[in-house]
Amino acid sequence: MILDTYLAVFLGSKTSSKWAAWNAMPEVERKAKEQEGMAAWKGWVEKHQGAIEAMGGPLGKTKKVDGKGLADIANEMGAFTVVRAASHEAAAKMFENHPHFTIFPGERVEIMPVLPIPGG
């Protein structure tokens, strides 16, 4: 079976109502949720370990470069993972009910094919 490569980007706005509710939780409750989320994320990794090409990880602060120069900006990207799957739909199905948005205050995971470099 031929497997293609897909990039999954974990997204969520730090100004969303989900983040506001997360930050408003008492610290003890939030820490317990973090532990629950990390255990669930570890379970997701174990379930899909054969398909994970690169675990990726959290993304840091963003810098933008354009015709006006360099600037610090904020965006919704929080982390990434690279997976291999038989189809785009199969890759996307791996992220259904992911802890990123079912436990943590993330909003969604967007999955896109990594296309071959022309002539490469």
N, C-alpha and C. Protein backbone atom coordinates (compact mmCIF):
# COMPACT_ATOMS: atom_id res chain seq x y z
N MET A 1 0.84 -1.18 0.00
CA MET A 1 0.00 0.00 0.00
C MET A 1 0.89 1.24 0.00
N ILE A 2 0.58 2.17 -0.86
CA ILE A 2 1.32 3.43 -0.93
C ILE A 2 0.74 4.39 0.09
N LEU A 3 1.61 4.96 0.91
CA LEU A 3 1.18 5.93 1.91
C LEU A 3 1.72 7.30 1.52
N ASP A 4 0.89 8.30 1.60
CA ASP A 4 1.30 9.67 1.34
C ASP A 4 1.57 10.38 2.66
N THR A 5 2.23 11.52 2.57
CA THR A 5 2.61 12.29 3.75
C THR A 5 1.66 13.47 3.92
N TYR A 6 1.25 13.69 5.19
CA TYR A 6 0.31 14.77 5.51
C TYR A 6 0.83 15.57 6.70
N LEU A 7 0.64 16.87 6.62
CA LEU A 7 1.00 17.77 7.70
C LEU A 7 -0.27 18.14 8.45
N ALA A 8 -0.26 17.90 9.76
CA ALA A 8 -1.38 18.28 10.62
C ALA A 8 -0.94 19.48 11.45
N VAL A 9 -1.70 20.55 11.37
CA VAL A 9 -1.39 21.77 12.12
C VAL A 9 -2.49 21.98 13.16
N PHE A 10 -2.07 22.09 14.42
CA PHE A 10 -2.98 22.29 15.53
C PHE A 10 -3.21 23.79 15.71
N LEU A 11 -4.48 24.21 15.67
CA LEU A 11 -4.81 25.63 15.68
C LEU A 11 -5.73 25.99 16.84
N GLY A 12 -5.62 27.23 17.26
CA GLY A 12 -6.49 27.76 18.29
C GLY A 12 -6.07 29.19 18.62
N SER A 13 -7.04 30.02 18.85
CA SER A 13 -6.77 31.43 19.14
C SER A 13 -6.67 31.65 20.64
N LYS A 14 -5.61 32.29 21.07
CA LYS A 14 -5.42 32.61 22.49
C LYS A 14 -6.45 33.62 22.99
N THR A 15 -7.22 34.22 22.07
CA THR A 15 -8.25 35.17 22.46
C THR A 15 -9.65 34.56 22.39
N SER A 16 -9.73 33.25 22.16
CA SER A 16 -11.04 32.59 22.04
C SER A 16 -11.70 32.41 23.40
N SER A 17 -13.00 32.14 23.36
CA SER A 17 -13.73 31.88 24.61
C SER A 17 -13.25 30.60 25.27
N LYS A 18 -12.79 29.62 24.47
CA LYS A 18 -12.25 28.37 25.04
C LYS A 18 -11.00 28.66 25.87
N TRP A 19 -10.13 29.52 25.34
CA TRP A 19 -8.92 29.87 26.10
C TRP A 19 -9.27 30.69 27.34
N ALA A 20 -10.24 31.57 27.22
CA ALA A 20 -10.65 32.38 28.37
C ALA A 20 -11.17 31.47 29.48
N ALA A 21 -11.99 30.48 29.12
CA ALA A 21 -12.53 29.55 30.11
C ALA A 21 -11.40 28.71 30.72
N TRP A 22 -10.45 28.29 29.90
CA TRP A 22 -9.30 27.51 30.36
C TRP A 22 -8.50 28.32 31.39
N ASN A 23 -8.22 29.56 31.05
CA ASN A 23 -7.43 30.42 31.94
C ASN A 23 -8.19 30.82 33.20
N ALA A 24 -9.52 30.79 33.14
CA ALA A 24 -10.34 31.15 34.30
C ALA A 24 -10.48 29.99 35.30
N MET A 25 -10.11 28.78 34.87
CA MET A 25 -10.20 27.62 35.78
C MET A 25 -9.29 27.80 36.98
N PRO A 26 -9.73 27.34 38.13
CA PRO A 26 -8.80 27.33 39.27
C PRO A 26 -7.56 26.50 38.91
N GLU A 27 -6.41 26.91 39.41
CA GLU A 27 -5.16 26.26 39.01
C GLU A 27 -5.17 24.76 39.24
N VAL A 28 -5.71 24.31 40.34
CA VAL A 28 -5.75 22.87 40.64
C VAL A 28 -6.57 22.13 39.58
N GLU A 29 -7.70 22.70 39.20
CA GLU A 29 -8.56 22.09 38.18
C GLU A 29 -7.86 22.09 36.82
N ARG A 30 -7.21 23.20 36.48
CA ARG A 30 -6.51 23.30 35.20
C ARG A 30 -5.36 22.30 35.14
N LYS A 31 -4.61 22.17 36.23
CA LYS A 31 -3.49 21.21 36.26
C LYS A 31 -4.01 19.78 36.08
N ALA A 32 -5.15 19.47 36.70
CA ALA A 32 -5.74 18.13 36.54
C ALA A 32 -6.15 17.90 35.09
N LYS A 33 -6.74 18.92 34.46
CA LYS A 33 -7.12 18.83 33.04
C LYS A 33 -5.89 18.65 32.16
N GLU A 34 -4.81 19.37 32.48
CA GLU A 34 -3.56 19.22 31.73
C GLU A 34 -3.06 17.79 31.80
N GLN A 35 -3.09 17.19 33.00
CA GLN A 35 -2.65 15.80 33.17
C GLN A 35 -3.54 14.86 32.36
N GLU A 36 -4.85 15.08 32.42
CA GLU A 36 -5.80 14.28 31.65
C GLU A 36 -5.50 14.41 30.16
N GLY A 37 -5.27 15.64 29.72
CA GLY A 37 -5.00 15.90 28.31
C GLY A 37 -3.70 15.26 27.85
N MET A 38 -2.65 15.35 28.67
CA MET A 38 -1.37 14.76 28.29
C MET A 38 -1.48 13.24 28.22
N ALA A 39 -2.22 12.63 29.14
CA ALA A 39 -2.42 11.18 29.09
C ALA A 39 -3.20 10.78 27.83
N ALA A 40 -4.22 11.56 27.49
CA ALA A 40 -5.01 11.28 26.29
C ALA A 40 -4.17 11.48 25.03
N TRP A 41 -3.32 12.51 25.02
CA TRP A 41 -2.45 12.77 23.86
C TRP A 41 -1.46 11.61 23.70
N LYS A 42 -0.90 11.15 24.81
CA LYS A 42 0.02 10.01 24.78
C LYS A 42 -0.70 8.78 24.23
N GLY A 43 -1.94 8.57 24.65
CA GLY A 43 -2.73 7.46 24.12
C GLY A 43 -2.96 7.59 22.63
N TRP A 44 -3.20 8.82 22.15
CA TRP A 44 -3.38 9.05 20.72
C TRP A 44 -2.09 8.69 19.98
N VAL A 45 -0.94 9.11 20.52
CA VAL A 45 0.35 8.81 19.89
C VAL A 45 0.57 7.30 19.83
N GLU A 46 0.29 6.61 20.91
CA GLU A 46 0.47 5.16 20.92
C GLU A 46 -0.43 4.48 19.89
N LYS A 47 -1.67 4.94 19.78
CA LYS A 47 -2.61 4.36 18.81
C LYS A 47 -2.14 4.56 17.38
N HIS A 48 -1.51 5.71 17.09
CA HIS A 48 -1.14 6.05 15.72
C HIS A 48 0.37 6.02 15.48
N GLN A 49 1.13 5.42 16.38
CA GLN A 49 2.59 5.48 16.28
C GLN A 49 3.13 4.96 14.95
N GLY A 50 2.47 3.98 14.34
CA GLY A 50 2.93 3.46 13.05
C GLY A 50 2.75 4.44 11.91
N ALA A 51 1.87 5.42 12.08
CA ALA A 51 1.59 6.41 11.02
C ALA A 51 2.32 7.72 11.24
N ILE A 52 2.86 7.93 12.44
CA ILE A 52 3.50 9.21 12.73
C ILE A 52 4.90 9.23 12.14
N GLU A 53 5.10 10.14 11.21
CA GLU A 53 6.38 10.30 10.53
C GLU A 53 7.30 11.23 11.33
N ALA A 54 6.73 12.29 11.88
CA ALA A 54 7.46 13.25 12.72
C ALA A 54 6.47 13.74 13.77
N MET A 55 6.84 13.58 15.03
CA MET A 55 5.95 13.98 16.10
C MET A 55 5.72 15.49 16.10
N GLY A 56 6.68 16.23 15.59
CA GLY A 56 6.51 17.68 15.57
C GLY A 56 6.61 18.20 16.99
N GLY A 57 5.75 19.14 17.32
CA GLY A 57 5.76 19.69 18.65
C GLY A 57 5.19 21.08 18.67
N PRO A 58 5.23 21.72 19.84
CA PRO A 58 4.72 23.08 19.96
C PRO A 58 5.52 24.06 19.09
N LEU A 59 4.83 25.08 18.64
CA LEU A 59 5.46 26.14 17.85
C LEU A 59 5.64 27.38 18.71
N GLY A 60 6.72 28.08 18.49
CA GLY A 60 7.02 29.28 19.27
C GLY A 60 6.45 30.54 18.65
N LYS A 61 6.95 31.66 19.13
CA LYS A 61 6.49 32.97 18.65
C LYS A 61 6.81 33.13 17.17
N THR A 62 5.97 33.86 16.48
CA THR A 62 6.07 34.00 15.03
C THR A 62 6.68 35.34 14.64
N LYS A 63 7.54 35.29 13.65
CA LYS A 63 8.08 36.49 13.01
C LYS A 63 7.60 36.49 11.57
N LYS A 64 7.24 37.65 11.08
CA LYS A 64 6.78 37.80 9.71
C LYS A 64 7.82 38.62 8.96
N VAL A 65 8.10 38.20 7.74
CA VAL A 65 8.98 38.97 6.88
C VAL A 65 8.21 39.25 5.59
N ASP A 66 8.13 40.52 5.23
CA ASP A 66 7.50 40.91 3.97
C ASP A 66 8.23 42.11 3.40
N GLY A 67 7.64 42.75 2.42
CA GLY A 67 8.27 43.90 1.78
C GLY A 67 8.50 45.08 2.71
N LYS A 68 7.83 45.09 3.85
CA LYS A 68 7.98 46.18 4.83
C LYS A 68 9.03 45.84 5.88
N GLY A 69 9.55 44.62 5.85
CA GLY A 69 10.57 44.23 6.82
C GLY A 69 10.13 43.10 7.72
N LEU A 70 10.67 43.12 8.92
CA LEU A 70 10.46 42.05 9.90
C LEU A 70 9.55 42.54 11.03
N ALA A 71 8.64 41.66 11.48
CA ALA A 71 7.74 42.05 12.57
C ALA A 71 7.33 40.82 13.37
N ASP A 72 7.07 41.01 14.65
CA ASP A 72 6.50 39.97 15.49
C ASP A 72 5.00 39.97 15.26
N ILE A 73 4.42 38.76 15.08
CA ILE A 73 2.98 38.64 14.90
C ILE A 73 2.46 37.46 15.71
N ALA A 74 1.16 37.37 15.83
CA ALA A 74 0.50 36.23 16.46
C ALA A 74 -0.37 35.56 15.40
N ASN A 75 -0.43 34.24 15.45
CA ASN A 75 -1.33 33.50 14.59
C ASN A 75 -1.96 32.37 15.40
N GLU A 76 -2.76 31.54 14.78
CA GLU A 76 -3.46 30.48 15.49
C GLU A 76 -2.69 29.17 15.56
N MET A 77 -1.54 29.08 14.90
CA MET A 77 -0.80 27.82 14.87
C MET A 77 -0.13 27.55 16.21
N GLY A 78 -0.37 26.34 16.74
CA GLY A 78 0.19 26.00 18.04
C GLY A 78 1.17 24.85 18.02
N ALA A 79 0.98 23.90 17.09
CA ALA A 79 1.85 22.72 17.03
C ALA A 79 1.65 22.05 15.67
N PHE A 80 2.47 21.03 15.41
CA PHE A 80 2.32 20.27 14.16
C PHE A 80 2.74 18.83 14.38
N THR A 81 2.25 17.96 13.50
CA THR A 81 2.64 16.55 13.44
C THR A 81 2.60 16.15 11.98
N VAL A 82 3.50 15.27 11.57
CA VAL A 82 3.51 14.75 10.21
C VAL A 82 3.13 13.27 10.27
N VAL A 83 2.12 12.88 9.47
CA VAL A 83 1.67 11.49 9.45
C VAL A 83 1.70 10.94 8.03
N ARG A 84 1.67 9.61 7.95
CA ARG A 84 1.57 8.92 6.66
C ARG A 84 0.23 8.20 6.66
N ALA A 85 -0.48 8.27 5.53
CA ALA A 85 -1.78 7.62 5.42
C ALA A 85 -2.08 7.29 3.97
N ALA A 86 -3.04 6.40 3.78
CA ALA A 86 -3.42 5.96 2.43
C ALA A 86 -4.18 7.04 1.67
N SER A 87 -4.80 7.98 2.39
CA SER A 87 -5.55 9.05 1.72
C SER A 87 -5.64 10.26 2.65
N HIS A 88 -6.03 11.37 2.06
CA HIS A 88 -6.24 12.60 2.83
C HIS A 88 -7.31 12.38 3.90
N GLU A 89 -8.40 11.71 3.51
CA GLU A 89 -9.47 11.43 4.46
C GLU A 89 -8.99 10.53 5.60
N ALA A 90 -8.20 9.51 5.27
CA ALA A 90 -7.67 8.61 6.31
C ALA A 90 -6.78 9.37 7.28
N ALA A 91 -5.98 10.29 6.75
CA ALA A 91 -5.12 11.10 7.62
C ALA A 91 -5.97 11.97 8.52
N ALA A 92 -6.99 12.60 7.98
CA ALA A 92 -7.86 13.47 8.77
C ALA A 92 -8.59 12.69 9.85
N LYS A 93 -9.03 11.48 9.54
CA LYS A 93 -9.77 10.68 10.51
C LYS A 93 -8.93 10.35 11.74
N MET A 94 -7.62 10.33 11.60
CA MET A 94 -6.75 10.08 12.76
C MET A 94 -6.94 11.13 13.84
N PHE A 95 -7.37 12.31 13.47
CA PHE A 95 -7.46 13.44 14.40
C PHE A 95 -8.87 13.68 14.94
N GLU A 96 -9.82 12.82 14.55
CA GLU A 96 -11.17 12.95 15.10
C GLU A 96 -11.11 12.78 16.62
N ASN A 97 -11.80 13.65 17.33
CA ASN A 97 -11.86 13.62 18.80
C ASN A 97 -10.49 13.71 19.46
N HIS A 98 -9.59 14.43 18.85
CA HIS A 98 -8.23 14.60 19.40
C HIS A 98 -8.28 15.44 20.68
N PRO A 99 -7.42 15.13 21.66
CA PRO A 99 -7.40 15.89 22.92
C PRO A 99 -7.09 17.38 22.73
N HIS A 100 -6.48 17.75 21.61
CA HIS A 100 -6.17 19.16 21.35
C HIS A 100 -7.42 20.03 21.50
N PHE A 101 -8.55 19.50 21.06
CA PHE A 101 -9.79 20.29 21.15
C PHE A 101 -10.88 19.64 22.00
N THR A 102 -10.69 18.39 22.43
CA THR A 102 -11.70 17.77 23.29
C THR A 102 -11.38 17.96 24.77
N ILE A 103 -10.10 18.17 25.09
CA ILE A 103 -9.69 18.40 26.48
C ILE A 103 -9.02 19.76 26.62
N PHE A 104 -8.04 20.01 25.76
CA PHE A 104 -7.35 21.30 25.76
C PHE A 104 -8.19 22.35 25.02
N PRO A 105 -7.85 23.64 25.15
CA PRO A 105 -8.67 24.67 24.52
C PRO A 105 -8.34 24.95 23.05
N GLY A 106 -7.69 24.00 22.39
CA GLY A 106 -7.46 24.16 20.95
C GLY A 106 -8.78 24.10 20.20
N GLU A 107 -8.80 24.66 19.01
CA GLU A 107 -10.06 24.74 18.26
C GLU A 107 -10.18 23.69 17.16
N ARG A 108 -9.05 23.34 16.52
CA ARG A 108 -9.14 22.42 15.39
C ARG A 108 -7.75 21.94 15.00
N VAL A 109 -7.75 20.90 14.16
CA VAL A 109 -6.52 20.41 13.53
C VAL A 109 -6.80 20.43 12.03
N GLU A 110 -5.92 21.06 11.27
CA GLU A 110 -6.07 21.09 9.82
C GLU A 110 -5.00 20.18 9.23
N ILE A 111 -5.44 19.31 8.31
CA ILE A 111 -4.55 18.30 7.73
C ILE A 111 -4.44 18.56 6.24
N MET A 112 -3.21 18.61 5.76
CA MET A 112 -3.00 18.89 4.34
C MET A 112 -1.92 17.98 3.78
N PRO A 113 -2.03 17.59 2.50
CA PRO A 113 -1.00 16.76 1.90
C PRO A 113 0.30 17.55 1.73
N VAL A 114 1.40 16.84 1.92
CA VAL A 114 2.71 17.41 1.61
C VAL A 114 3.00 16.96 0.18
N LEU A 115 2.99 17.91 -0.73
CA LEU A 115 3.12 17.59 -2.15
C LEU A 115 4.59 17.41 -2.54
N PRO A 116 4.85 16.55 -3.52
CA PRO A 116 6.24 16.39 -3.97
C PRO A 116 6.75 17.67 -4.62
N ILE A 117 8.02 17.89 -4.49
CA ILE A 117 8.65 19.06 -5.12
C ILE A 117 8.76 18.77 -6.62
N PRO A 118 8.22 19.66 -7.46
CA PRO A 118 8.31 19.43 -8.92
C PRO A 118 9.76 19.26 -9.36
N GLY A 119 9.99 18.23 -10.11
CA GLY A 119 11.34 17.96 -10.62
C GLY A 119 12.28 17.42 -9.56
N GLY A 120 11.75 17.14 -8.32
CA GLY A 120 12.61 16.71 -7.23
C GLY A 120 12.70 15.25 -7.01
